[in-house]
Protein backbone atom coordinates (compact mmCIF):
# COMPACT_ATOMS: atom_id res chain seq x y z
CA MET A 1 2.68 6.65 27.05
CA LEU A 2 0.09 6.32 23.76
CA PHE A 3 0.94 5.24 20.43
CA ALA A 4 -1.87 5.07 17.98
CA GLY A 5 -4.30 5.36 20.34
CA ARG A 6 -2.90 2.33 22.71
CA VAL A 7 -1.26 2.60 25.86
CA VAL A 8 2.21 1.11 25.47
CA GLU A 9 3.73 2.17 28.82
CA SER A 10 2.29 3.87 32.07
CA GLY A 11 3.79 4.30 35.36
CA PRO A 12 5.43 7.07 37.46
CA THR A 13 6.59 9.57 35.14
CA ALA A 14 10.00 10.17 36.59
CA GLU A 15 10.65 6.22 36.11
CA LEU A 16 9.12 5.98 33.06
CA LEU A 17 11.76 8.81 31.71
CA LYS A 18 14.51 7.59 33.56
CA SER A 19 14.57 4.32 32.19
CA PRO A 20 11.90 3.71 29.67
CA ALA A 21 10.58 -0.15 28.82
CA HIS A 22 9.32 0.45 25.61
CA PRO A 23 11.09 1.53 22.44
CA TYR A 24 8.43 4.04 21.73
CA THR A 25 8.73 5.72 25.39
CA ARG A 26 12.54 5.57 24.75
CA ALA A 27 12.37 7.34 21.23
CA LEU A 28 10.09 10.17 22.81
CA ARG A 29 12.91 10.75 25.60
CA ASP A 30 15.79 10.36 23.05
CA ALA A 31 13.84 13.03 20.72
CA VAL A 32 14.40 16.05 23.40
CA PRO A 33 16.88 18.43 21.93
CA LYS A 34 19.56 19.08 24.59
CA LEU A 35 20.55 22.78 24.85
CA GLY A 36 23.59 23.41 22.96
CA GLY A 37 23.49 19.87 21.73
CA GLU A 38 23.20 18.50 18.18
CA PRO A 39 19.65 18.18 17.18
CA PRO A 40 18.20 14.42 17.87
CA GLN A 41 19.00 11.99 14.91
CA ALA A 42 15.70 9.96 13.72
CA ARG A 43 16.81 6.19 14.19
CA GLY A 44 15.37 3.05 13.43
CA ARG A 45 12.18 2.65 10.50
CA THR A 46 10.28 5.54 9.47
CA GLU A 47 7.16 4.03 8.42
CA ALA A 48 4.50 7.08 9.37
CA VAL A 49 1.36 4.61 9.95
CA PRO A 50 1.06 2.36 12.97
CA ALA A 51 1.00 -1.25 11.92
CA ALA A 52 -2.56 -2.44 11.59
CA THR A 53 -2.08 -6.00 13.35
CA GLY A 54 0.14 -6.98 16.12
CA CYS A 55 2.17 -4.32 18.01
CA PRO A 56 1.18 -0.91 16.46
CA PHE A 57 4.85 0.62 16.61
CA ARG A 58 6.67 -2.62 15.14
CA LEU A 59 7.16 -0.92 11.62
CA ARG A 60 8.81 1.89 13.38
CA CYS A 61 10.36 0.16 16.26
CA PRO A 62 14.46 -0.86 15.93
CA MET A 63 13.94 -3.78 18.17
CA ALA A 64 11.08 -5.43 16.17
CA VAL A 65 10.97 -9.19 15.85
CA GLU A 66 8.77 -11.75 14.50
CA LYS A 67 7.00 -12.25 17.63
CA CYS A 68 6.25 -8.54 17.60
CA GLU A 69 3.32 -9.06 14.80
CA GLN A 70 1.40 -10.51 17.45
CA ALA A 71 -0.27 -7.75 19.91
CA PRO A 72 1.55 -7.43 23.27
CA GLU A 73 -0.75 -7.77 26.42
CA PRO A 74 0.20 -5.04 29.01
CA ARG A 75 2.39 -6.55 31.64
CA ASP A 76 3.31 -5.17 34.88
CA LEU A 77 7.37 -5.10 34.97
CA GLY A 78 8.79 -3.34 37.92
CA GLY A 79 5.84 -1.28 38.92
CA ARG A 80 4.85 -0.24 35.43
CA GLN A 81 2.56 -1.70 33.16
CA VAL A 82 4.50 -2.39 29.66
CA ALA A 83 3.09 -3.53 26.45
CA CYS A 84 6.12 -4.84 24.65
CA HIS A 85 7.34 -8.50 24.08
CA ARG A 86 11.20 -7.14 24.49
CA ALA A 87 10.46 -4.71 27.55
CA GLU A 88 13.26 -6.39 29.31
CA ASP A 89 15.80 -6.01 26.17
CA VAL A 90 14.98 -2.33 26.27
CA LEU A 91 15.85 -2.26 29.73
CA ALA A 92 18.84 -3.68 29.30
CA ALA A 93 19.85 -1.55 26.51
């Protein structure tokens, strides 16, 4: 998945959609309307521009913490690459 021109999560498509490890991937998956269901509701912050420093998604991320002001390096997490300081927390949520 790309956000603001930066890869935030990559791996097997089925795995990313089943259990996203980056908040942006989760937000994309949750934004897909369900047939016969209620429209998806926006969650988290709504700033339209990516952050100029640190994690580009941090201004919109509902899980952002102070550490997100530093750009996360992509790291291996169970067969996928994730650029998020809180990837384990996202998976646990």
